[in-house]
Amino acid sequence: MNYTHLTIEERSCLRIYYKKGFSYRKIAELMGRSVSTISREIRRNCTHMYDIPTYYPQQKEQQDIT
């Protein structure tokens, strides 16, 4: 079987649809992809979907030093 990665454009659309609250099925239908592809992509990249800042205390300490 041949597998293709989601393109940057598809990931952008996925993010927009996900933030609007569309179901996985609706997103898959709109993008012409399988529901499992959509669910896996969201599960892998869920912290990026809402632009949740990640806090790394060691980075703050390094910034304070420099």
PDB file of N, CA and C in Angstrom:
ATOM      1  N   MET A   1       0.837  -1.193   0.000  1.00  0.00           N
ATOM      2  CA  MET A   1       0.000   0.000   0.000  1.00  0.00           C
ATOM      3  C   MET A   1       0.876   1.249   0.000  1.00  0.00           C
ATOM      4  N   ASN A   2       0.409   2.263  -0.647  1.00  0.00           N
ATOM      5  CA  ASN A   2       1.109   3.541  -0.650  1.00  0.00           C
ATOM      6  C   ASN A   2       0.465   4.485   0.351  1.00  0.00           C
ATOM      7  N   TYR A   3       1.304   5.153   1.110  1.00  0.00           N
ATOM      8  CA  TYR A   3       0.817   6.110   2.088  1.00  0.00           C
ATOM      9  C   TYR A   3       1.367   7.480   1.734  1.00  0.00           C
ATOM     10  N   THR A   4       0.554   8.495   1.912  1.00  0.00           N
ATOM     11  CA  THR A   4       1.022   9.857   1.668  1.00  0.00           C
ATOM     12  C   THR A   4       0.814  10.680   2.923  1.00  0.00           C
ATOM     13  N   HIS A   5       1.759  11.531   3.179  1.00  0.00           N
ATOM     14  CA  HIS A   5       1.649  12.432   4.324  1.00  0.00           C
ATOM     15  C   HIS A   5       0.659  13.532   4.006  1.00  0.00           C
ATOM     16  N   LEU A   6       0.112  14.141   5.037  1.00  0.00           N
ATOM     17  CA  LEU A   6      -0.717  15.322   4.836  1.00  0.00           C
ATOM     18  C   LEU A   6       0.187  16.470   4.416  1.00  0.00           C
ATOM     19  N   THR A   7      -0.278  17.255   3.485  1.00  0.00           N
ATOM     20  CA  THR A   7       0.492  18.421   3.060  1.00  0.00           C
ATOM     21  C   THR A   7       0.337  19.537   4.093  1.00  0.00           C
ATOM     22  N   ILE A   8       1.150  20.555   3.969  1.00  0.00           N
ATOM     23  CA  ILE A   8       1.049  21.718   4.854  1.00  0.00           C
ATOM     24  C   ILE A   8      -0.332  22.348   4.738  1.00  0.00           C
ATOM     25  N   GLU A   9      -0.836  22.433   3.510  1.00  0.00           N
ATOM     26  CA  GLU A   9      -2.163  23.025   3.289  1.00  0.00           C
ATOM     27  C   GLU A   9      -3.242  22.193   3.970  1.00  0.00           C
ATOM     28  N   GLU A  10      -3.129  20.856   3.871  1.00  0.00           N
ATOM     29  CA  GLU A  10      -4.112  19.989   4.510  1.00  0.00           C
ATOM     30  C   GLU A  10      -4.054  20.126   6.028  1.00  0.00           C
ATOM     31  N   ARG A  11      -2.857  20.245   6.575  1.00  0.00           N
ATOM     32  CA  ARG A  11      -2.733  20.409   8.026  1.00  0.00           C
ATOM     33  C   ARG A  11      -3.313  21.743   8.480  1.00  0.00           C
ATOM     34  N   SER A  12      -3.151  22.763   7.665  1.00  0.00           N
ATOM     35  CA  SER A  12      -3.736  24.067   7.990  1.00  0.00           C
ATOM     36  C   SER A  12      -5.261  23.977   7.991  1.00  0.00           C
ATOM     37  N   CYS A  13      -5.800  23.339   6.975  1.00  0.00           N
ATOM     38  CA  CYS A  13      -7.257  23.161   6.908  1.00  0.00           C
ATOM     39  C   CYS A  13      -7.751  22.323   8.081  1.00  0.00           C
ATOM     40  N   LEU A  14      -7.030  21.263   8.400  1.00  0.00           N
ATOM     41  CA  LEU A  14      -7.401  20.413   9.518  1.00  0.00           C
ATOM     42  C   LEU A  14      -7.459  21.211  10.808  1.00  0.00           C
ATOM     43  N   ARG A  15      -6.482  22.042  11.023  1.00  0.00           N
ATOM     44  CA  ARG A  15      -6.433  22.871  12.236  1.00  0.00           C
ATOM     45  C   ARG A  15      -7.625  23.821  12.297  1.00  0.00           C
ATOM     46  N   ILE A  16      -7.952  24.447  11.182  1.00  0.00           N
ATOM     47  CA  ILE A  16      -9.074  25.379  11.126  1.00  0.00           C
ATOM     48  C   ILE A  16     -10.384  24.646  11.411  1.00  0.00           C
ATOM     49  N   TYR A  17     -10.596  23.511  10.736  1.00  0.00           N
ATOM     50  CA  TYR A  17     -11.821  22.746  10.945  1.00  0.00           C
ATOM     51  C   TYR A  17     -11.930  22.256  12.384  1.00  0.00           C
ATOM     52  N   TYR A  18     -10.814  21.808  12.946  1.00  0.00           N
ATOM     53  CA  TYR A  18     -10.803  21.298  14.328  1.00  0.00           C
ATOM     54  C   TYR A  18     -11.133  22.413  15.310  1.00  0.00           C
ATOM     55  N   LYS A  19     -10.561  23.588  15.108  1.00  0.00           N
ATOM     56  CA  LYS A  19     -10.837  24.715  15.998  1.00  0.00           C
ATOM     57  C   LYS A  19     -12.287  25.173  15.895  1.00  0.00           C
ATOM     58  N   LYS A  20     -12.904  24.986  14.714  1.00  0.00           N
ATOM     59  CA  LYS A  20     -14.310  25.351  14.538  1.00  0.00           C
ATOM     60  C   LYS A  20     -15.247  24.323  15.166  1.00  0.00           C
ATOM     61  N   GLY A  21     -14.689  23.187  15.591  1.00  0.00           N
ATOM     62  CA  GLY A  21     -15.501  22.188  16.272  1.00  0.00           C
ATOM     63  C   GLY A  21     -16.112  21.139  15.372  1.00  0.00           C
ATOM     64  N   PHE A  22     -15.617  21.002  14.150  1.00  0.00           N
ATOM     65  CA  PHE A  22     -16.145  19.994  13.237  1.00  0.00           C
ATOM     66  C   PHE A  22     -15.793  18.603  13.760  1.00  0.00           C
ATOM     67  N   SER A  23     -16.642  17.643  13.461  1.00  0.00           N
ATOM     68  CA  SER A  23     -16.373  16.254  13.861  1.00  0.00           C
ATOM     69  C   SER A  23     -15.279  15.675  12.962  1.00  0.00           C
ATOM     70  N   TYR A  24     -14.675  14.595  13.435  1.00  0.00           N
ATOM     71  CA  TYR A  24     -13.641  13.925  12.634  1.00  0.00           C
ATOM     72  C   TYR A  24     -14.216  13.477  11.290  1.00  0.00           C
ATOM     73  N   ARG A  25     -15.435  12.979  11.317  1.00  0.00           N
ATOM     74  CA  ARG A  25     -16.076  12.520  10.075  1.00  0.00           C
ATOM     75  C   ARG A  25     -16.288  13.662   9.090  1.00  0.00           C
ATOM     76  N   LYS A  26     -16.730  14.790   9.597  1.00  0.00           N
ATOM     77  CA  LYS A  26     -16.967  15.946   8.728  1.00  0.00           C
ATOM     78  C   LYS A  26     -15.647  16.448   8.145  1.00  0.00           C
ATOM     79  N   ILE A  27     -14.605  16.514   8.972  1.00  0.00           N
ATOM     80  CA  ILE A  27     -13.286  16.953   8.500  1.00  0.00           C
ATOM     81  C   ILE A  27     -12.783  15.994   7.430  1.00  0.00           C
ATOM     82  N   ALA A  28     -12.908  14.692   7.677  1.00  0.00           N
ATOM     83  CA  ALA A  28     -12.451  13.689   6.712  1.00  0.00           C
ATOM     84  C   ALA A  28     -13.195  13.829   5.390  1.00  0.00           C
ATOM     85  N   GLU A  29     -14.487  14.072   5.467  1.00  0.00           N
ATOM     86  CA  GLU A  29     -15.301  14.249   4.265  1.00  0.00           C
ATOM     87  C   GLU A  29     -14.851  15.485   3.483  1.00  0.00           C
ATOM     88  N   LEU A  30     -14.633  16.586   4.179  1.00  0.00           N
ATOM     89  CA  LEU A  30     -14.223  17.825   3.525  1.00  0.00           C
ATOM     90  C   LEU A  30     -12.836  17.715   2.880  1.00  0.00           C
ATOM     91  N   MET A  31     -11.957  16.939   3.515  1.00  0.00           N
ATOM     92  CA  MET A  31     -10.580  16.835   3.040  1.00  0.00           C
ATOM     93  C   MET A  31     -10.346  15.645   2.110  1.00  0.00           C
ATOM     94  N   GLY A  32     -11.325  14.752   2.002  1.00  0.00           N
ATOM     95  CA  GLY A  32     -11.153  13.584   1.148  1.00  0.00           C
ATOM     96  C   GLY A  32     -10.164  12.585   1.714  1.00  0.00           C
ATOM     97  N   ARG A  33     -10.089  12.499   3.030  1.00  0.00           N
ATOM     98  CA  ARG A  33      -9.200  11.571   3.735  1.00  0.00           C
ATOM     99  C   ARG A  33     -10.041  10.657   4.608  1.00  0.00           C
ATOM    100  N   SER A  34      -9.425   9.603   5.127  1.00  0.00           N
ATOM    101  CA  SER A  34     -10.168   8.691   6.005  1.00  0.00           C
ATOM    102  C   SER A  34     -10.260   9.284   7.408  1.00  0.00           C
ATOM    103  N   VAL A  35     -11.268   8.847   8.123  1.00  0.00           N
ATOM    104  CA  VAL A  35     -11.485   9.325   9.485  1.00  0.00           C
ATOM    105  C   VAL A  35     -10.299   8.952  10.369  1.00  0.00           C
ATOM    106  N   SER A  36      -9.735   7.764  10.156  1.00  0.00           N
ATOM    107  CA  SER A  36      -8.603   7.341  10.984  1.00  0.00           C
ATOM    108  C   SER A  36      -7.378   8.221  10.750  1.00  0.00           C
ATOM    109  N   THR A  37      -7.176   8.679   9.524  1.00  0.00           N
ATOM    110  CA  THR A  37      -6.066   9.592   9.238  1.00  0.00           C
ATOM    111  C   THR A  37      -6.233  10.882  10.018  1.00  0.00           C
ATOM    112  N   ILE A  38      -7.436  11.413  10.022  1.00  0.00           N
ATOM    113  CA  ILE A  38      -7.721  12.657  10.727  1.00  0.00           C
ATOM    114  C   ILE A  38      -7.534  12.481  12.221  1.00  0.00           C
ATOM    115  N   SER A  39      -8.072  11.412  12.781  1.00  0.00           N
ATOM    116  CA  SER A  39      -7.966  11.208  14.227  1.00  0.00           C
ATOM    117  C   SER A  39      -6.510  11.004  14.645  1.00  0.00           C
ATOM    118  N   ARG A  40      -5.734  10.267  13.868  1.00  0.00           N
ATOM    119  CA  ARG A  40      -4.316  10.063  14.196  1.00  0.00           C
ATOM    120  C   ARG A  40      -3.542  11.370  14.134  1.00  0.00           C
ATOM    121  N   GLU A  41      -3.813  12.168  13.120  1.00  0.00           N
ATOM    122  CA  GLU A  41      -3.104  13.442  12.986  1.00  0.00           C
ATOM    123  C   GLU A  41      -3.422  14.377  14.152  1.00  0.00           C
ATOM    124  N   ILE A  42      -4.663  14.424  14.564  1.00  0.00           N
ATOM    125  CA  ILE A  42      -5.049  15.270  15.694  1.00  0.00           C
ATOM    126  C   ILE A  42      -4.429  14.745  16.979  1.00  0.00           C
ATOM    127  N   ARG A  43      -4.444  13.436  17.157  1.00  0.00           N
ATOM    128  CA  ARG A  43      -3.858  12.850  18.367  1.00  0.00           C
ATOM    129  C   ARG A  43      -2.348  13.118  18.444  1.00  0.00           C
ATOM    130  N   ARG A  44      -1.662  13.037  17.317  1.00  0.00           N
ATOM    131  CA  ARG A  44      -0.214  13.282  17.304  1.00  0.00           C
ATOM    132  C   ARG A  44       0.139  14.734  17.548  1.00  0.00           C
ATOM    133  N   ASN A  45      -0.708  15.638  17.101  1.00  0.00           N
ATOM    134  CA  ASN A  45      -0.361  17.056  17.120  1.00  0.00           C
ATOM    135  C   ASN A  45      -1.354  17.901  17.893  1.00  0.00           C
ATOM    136  N   CYS A  46      -2.020  17.326  18.874  1.00  0.00           N
ATOM    137  CA  CYS A  46      -3.103  18.041  19.557  1.00  0.00           C
ATOM    138  C   CYS A  46      -2.616  19.293  20.287  1.00  0.00           C
ATOM    139  N   THR A  47      -1.379  19.348  20.777  1.00  0.00           N
ATOM    140  CA  THR A  47      -0.926  20.545  21.490  1.00  0.00           C
ATOM    141  C   THR A  47      -0.733  21.715  20.540  1.00  0.00           C
ATOM    142  N   HIS A  48      -0.577  21.426  19.259  1.00  0.00           N
ATOM    143  CA  HIS A  48      -0.379  22.499  18.275  1.00  0.00           C
ATOM    144  C   HIS A  48      -1.698  23.025  17.716  1.00  0.00           C
ATOM    145  N   MET A  49      -2.777  22.293  17.954  1.00  0.00           N
ATOM    146  CA  MET A  49      -4.047  22.683  17.356  1.00  0.00           C
ATOM    147  C   MET A  49      -4.599  23.989  17.926  1.00  0.00           C
ATOM    148  N   TYR A  50      -4.364  24.232  19.205  1.00  0.00           N
ATOM    149  CA  TYR A  50      -4.894  25.436  19.827  1.00  0.00           C
ATOM    150  C   TYR A  50      -3.810  26.430  20.198  1.00  0.00           C
ATOM    151  N   ASP A  51      -2.599  26.233  19.692  1.00  0.00           N
ATOM    152  CA  ASP A  51      -1.474  27.122  20.003  1.00  0.00           C
ATOM    153  C   ASP A  51      -1.274  27.254  21.509  1.00  0.00           C
ATOM    154  N   ILE A  52      -1.285  26.115  22.185  1.00  0.00           N
ATOM    155  CA  ILE A  52      -1.076  26.104  23.629  1.00  0.00           C
ATOM    156  C   ILE A  52       0.414  26.279  23.881  1.00  0.00           C
ATOM    157  N   PRO A  53       0.806  27.341  24.566  1.00  0.00           N
ATOM    158  CA  PRO A  53       2.238  27.504  24.838  1.00  0.00           C
ATOM    159  C   PRO A  53       2.721  26.447  25.822  1.00  0.00           C
ATOM    160  N   THR A  54       3.868  25.913  25.543  1.00  0.00           N
ATOM    161  CA  THR A  54       4.458  24.916  26.422  1.00  0.00           C
ATOM    162  C   THR A  54       5.459  25.616  27.320  1.00  0.00           C
ATOM    163  N   TYR A  55       5.407  25.304  28.590  1.00  0.00           N
ATOM    164  CA  TYR A  55       6.272  25.962  29.552  1.00  0.00           C
ATOM    165  C   TYR A  55       7.443  25.053  29.895  1.00  0.00           C
ATOM    166  N   TYR A  56       8.636  25.544  29.672  1.00  0.00           N
ATOM    167  CA  TYR A  56       9.848  24.823  30.012  1.00  0.00           C
ATOM    168  C   TYR A  56      10.633  25.688  30.994  1.00  0.00           C
ATOM    169  N   PRO A  57      10.593  25.360  32.292  1.00  0.00           N
ATOM    170  CA  PRO A  57      11.257  26.195  33.300  1.00  0.00           C
ATOM    171  C   PRO A  57      12.746  26.380  33.038  1.00  0.00           C
ATOM    172  N   GLN A  58      13.426  25.359  32.526  1.00  0.00           N
ATOM    173  CA  GLN A  58      14.859  25.483  32.294  1.00  0.00           C
ATOM    174  C   GLN A  58      15.164  26.528  31.219  1.00  0.00           C
ATOM    175  N   GLN A  59      14.274  26.737  30.282  1.00  0.00           N
ATOM    176  CA  GLN A  59      14.493  27.761  29.261  1.00  0.00           C
ATOM    177  C   GLN A  59      14.433  29.149  29.880  1.00  0.00           C
ATOM    178  N   LYS A  60      13.537  29.367  30.825  1.00  0.00           N
ATOM    179  CA  LYS A  60      13.441  30.670  31.475  1.00  0.00           C
ATOM    180  C   LYS A  60      14.722  30.956  32.243  1.00  0.00           C
ATOM    181  N   GLU A  61      15.247  29.957  32.938  1.00  0.00           N
ATOM    182  CA  GLU A  61      16.488  30.132  33.683  1.00  0.00           C
ATOM    183  C   GLU A  61      17.632  30.480  32.745  1.00  0.00           C
ATOM    184  N   GLN A  62      17.692  29.849  31.593  1.00  0.00           N
ATOM    185  CA  GLN A  62      18.754  30.137  30.632  1.00  0.00           C
ATOM    186  C   GLN A  62      18.612  31.543  30.070  1.00  0.00           C
ATOM    187  N   GLN A  63      17.387  32.001  29.861  1.00  0.00           N
ATOM    188  CA  GLN A  63      17.171  33.352  29.350  1.00  0.00           C
ATOM    189  C   GLN A  63      17.561  34.393  30.383  1.00  0.00           C
ATOM    190  N   ASP A  64      17.327  34.103  31.665  1.00  0.00           N
ATOM    191  CA  ASP A  64      17.679  35.029  32.720  1.00  0.00           C
ATOM    192  C   ASP A  64      19.191  35.193  32.844  1.00  0.00           C
ATOM    193  N   ILE A  65      19.934  34.123  32.557  1.00  0.00           N
ATOM    194  CA  ILE A  65      21.387  34.136  32.667  1.00  0.00           C
ATOM    195  C   ILE A  65      22.002  35.002  31.577  1.00  0.00           C
ATOM    196  N   THR A  66      21.467  34.898  30.361  1.00  0.00           N
ATOM    197  CA  THR A  66      22.062  35.630  29.232  1.00  0.00           C
ATOM    198  C   THR A  66      21.610  37.042  29.133  1.00  0.00           C
TER     199      THR A  66
END
